[in-house]
Amino acid sequence: MNRIWLCCVALFLIVFPGRPSQGALYGEENRGKNDFPRVGDSLEELTARYGPGKKNAGKIRIPGNDEYYWEMKGLGINVVMQEESAVMLVAHGLGQKITAAEIKALLAANAHGTGWRPDGREPRWLRNDRKLEAFREKDHDDMFFVQDIAVVAKSGHGAIPGGR
């Protein structure tokens, strides 16, 4: 009897594996390695993965810092560097608005093993360790930002979620 019950449970779990958790959807578990740039990446890492970026090709979001631009997988991505490390990503669709799937991929790339949660001030996400935030800028829903909260707050520049 126990063997039959165990076989039924095993078969049920194989057929109905369950829905992934919110953390799995927005975390490391749901992405291939190095799909998109990450806050915290060095310029050396970014160049090794995506080739040389165009330096200061766009609007400088945090004055006094270099910004590099790459195009990949249908997105244009500006990466703001501070002290050898990426502190802000600004992504936009090439020829179309950025999609929900692309936003999920950017969140997954920047989860760093901790995941994301909606912040309640849509469309804004806060990483579970509260070090990064991600959002669409008010009146510019074609752009998606991922940024280091402490660095941007200290600089007094950068994007402000919801245009506050």
Foldseek 3Di string as FASTA:
>chain_A
DVVVVVVVVVVCCVVDVDDDDQQCLLAQVVDDPPQDDEFFAFLVVVCVVFNFFDWPPDDQFQPPWIWGWGDDPQKIWIFTDDPRTTFKIKIFGDVDADDPVNVSRRSHNHQVGQGWDCPPLPPKIARPVRQWIKHQEPVRNRMIMIGGVVVCVVRVTHGDHPRD
